[in-house]
Amino acid sequence: MRIFFREIWQLCLRFRISTVFIVGSSGLLVRLFDVSVRGLRDARSWGDFCVIFDLGLAIPAGMGRAWKRGKVSGGGIVRLWQREVGDLTPHTFKHRVRASEDFVLRLGIHNRLEKHRGCVNTVTFNSEGDILVSGSDDRMVILWDWELGRSKLIFHSGHTNNVFQAKIIPYTDNRSLITCAADGEVRHAQILEGGRVDTKLLAKHEGRAHKLAFDPSSPHIFYSCGEDGLVQHFDLRAQSATPLFTCKSLRGRRCPLLGTVHLNAIAVDPRNSNLFAVAGSDEYSRLYDIRKYNWARLSNVNGPVDCFCPDHLIGDDQVGITGLAFSTCSELLVSYNDELIYLFPKDQGLGSEPGSSGLGSSSSQTTELDTGFKPGPQAYSGHQNCDTVKGVNFFGPSCEYVVSGSDCGRIFIWRKKDGELLRAMEADKHVVNCIEPHPHSTVLASSGIEDDIKLWIPNSSEPLPPVNVEELHHGRRSRRRGLPRNLLRMFIALQSRHRGDQELVDLVLRYANGELRLDDPDNPPPGDCAIS
C-alpha cells in the first residue's frame, strides 16, 4: 500500500508512534527515522513515497495486546513487534521475512549483467553472496559484483567448448574456482596477484561434463559427472581424480553404450555429506554413500543405497532427468524432461534394486500392503522441459519454494508444501535454464539462451495476483514445442559414437529444411537408437 509522508505523519501523531520502519521500492529495509519535521524532511529527500510492508515500531499500548490476540491484520507488523519485545529472535525474524510469500509475489528484475557473447549456462553465488560467477558458450568465466552490476574479473576458462558450470571453492578467499564443460574437462582456476588467472586440467570425461557437486563439509572435496556415465571424486590436496563408478541402467534396456546412463546432474546432501545423488538419461535418481567405497582396493561403490522414481514412470524409457537438488531436510528434488518436477522425502525410496521387481523394493511394497496407501511424491507442474538440460532448485531460507526455468522463457516458482504455482515470470526470449538463489537474501539470478544474466529482488510496489494457469497454458509462447523425440534420439546416437559438431548441425539443418522425415521407414534413427 502506498502511503504519502503527510499521511504517515498524521497516523504517527494519531497513534503516538515515535519511530517507523520504511521499506523502499527495492524491497529492502532502507530507513529508520524519528517522527519529526527533520526526520520527515530526510525521508522525503529519498523519494516521493515509500512502500510499507505492514511494518511498524513503537506500537502504542493496547495495540500490541490486540495484535497478540490476532485482532489486527498484518503478519509483518506482528513479527516485527515480537522481535522488538524479545518474543522472536533476530535470526528467526530474518528467516521468516525472507520466507515471506509477499516478497515472492513482489519479485522483479533488479539488474541485467551483460558481458558474455553466448548462452549463459551457469550462474552461482559464492558462500558470502557478494560475488556471482557465470560461464558461457563463449568459454569465458566472469566474477560479478552483482549489486553494482559490474564485472570484477573476466578470464578464459581454458576449455575448448561451452562452459557448463563454474563454482568458487568455499574458504579460499574467492581465489579458487572449479569449472566443467562440453569438452569433458574438469579444470581448476586459481586467481593470482594482479588479477592473473592460472588454469589447469584435473580430469576428463569421455563426453560432456555437465555438473559439479561440492562437499559442504570440506573445501577440498567435490564430484563431477558426465555423459559417459562416470562419477569422479576429487581431493584438491592430492591434485588428482578418483573414478568411482560408471552408472549403468538398472534394467536391460536398449540404449547406447551398452546400458550406460548419460549423467546430467549430481548433488550432495547438505545434512549428510557422505550421501550424493546422480541422475541422467533414465527414470531413476540414484543415491550413493561414499563410505561404501573401498579406497584400499579401489573397488567400485557397491551400487546405490536407494533409488527414487514416481510409480507411473517406472519402466518408461521415454523420460530422463535434467536436474537434482537436495533441501536442508534431505528431500530430493528431481526435474524430468517431458514430464514434471517431483519432491521425494528420504523415506519414499524404492530400495537399492528397484528393477528387480516390477513395483520397487520389497520394503515399499510391504508398506503399501500394510497401510493400504502409498504416499507419492509432491509434483510441480506448468513449466516445459523438453529442449535443454535445465536445473531445478529450492528457494527460501528453509527451502519453502521450488524454482525452475522453462522452454517458454519463464521462471516458475511453486510453494513447496502443496505444489501451488505462485509465479511465472518472463525472463528470456527463448529458454531459461539456470535459476540460482542467493544464500542469504531474497534474490534470484537467472540465465538462459540470451547472453545476459538477470537479477531478481522484491522491488514491486504491489504483490502480483496469483498465476492464471489456464491463461498461461494458452499463451502464445507456452505453445512452443520441443524437438521431436526421434530427432533427439538421433542426437544421442551421434554423440555416443563421438561424431563431430558439424554432423549434428547438418542433422538439424536437414530437419529444418524439410529434407529429413522422422517418420519415414527409409530414414530410421541411426545406430543403437533405432526403435523396434
Foldseek 3Di string as FASTA:
>chain_A
DWDFLVRVLVVCVVQVAFWFFFQALLRHGDDIFGSDPVRSVVVVVVDGTTFDQLDTPPGHPPVLVCVVVVNDDHVNNNLNHCCVVVVAPPVRSLQCVQPDVLFVLLKDFDDKAFDDDFFWQEWEAAQVQQWIWIWGQVQKIWIDRVVVSGTPAIDRQPDPGGWNYKYQQPPPVSFWIWTFFQQQWIKIWGQDPPRDIDIDTADGDLGGWHDKEAQPVDSFWIWTFFQQQWIWITGVVVSYIQTADRDFALDQDQDPPRGTFGWQEKYAQNVDRQWMWIWGQAFKIFIAGVVQQDPVVSDHRPFGFFIDGFQVRVPPNLKTWQEWDAFNQRWIWTQMAPDWIWIHDPVLTQGRRQVVDNGGHPVQVVVCVVPVDRDGTATADQAHHHADRAYKYFGGQRSQWIWTKHQLQWIWIAGRPHRFTFDTHRHDNGIKGDWYYRNRHSKIWTTGRDNMITIMTSSHSGRDDGDDSVCSCPDPSNPDDHDDSQLVSLVSVCVSVVHDPVVNVVSVVCVVVVNDDDPDPVRARDDSSGDD
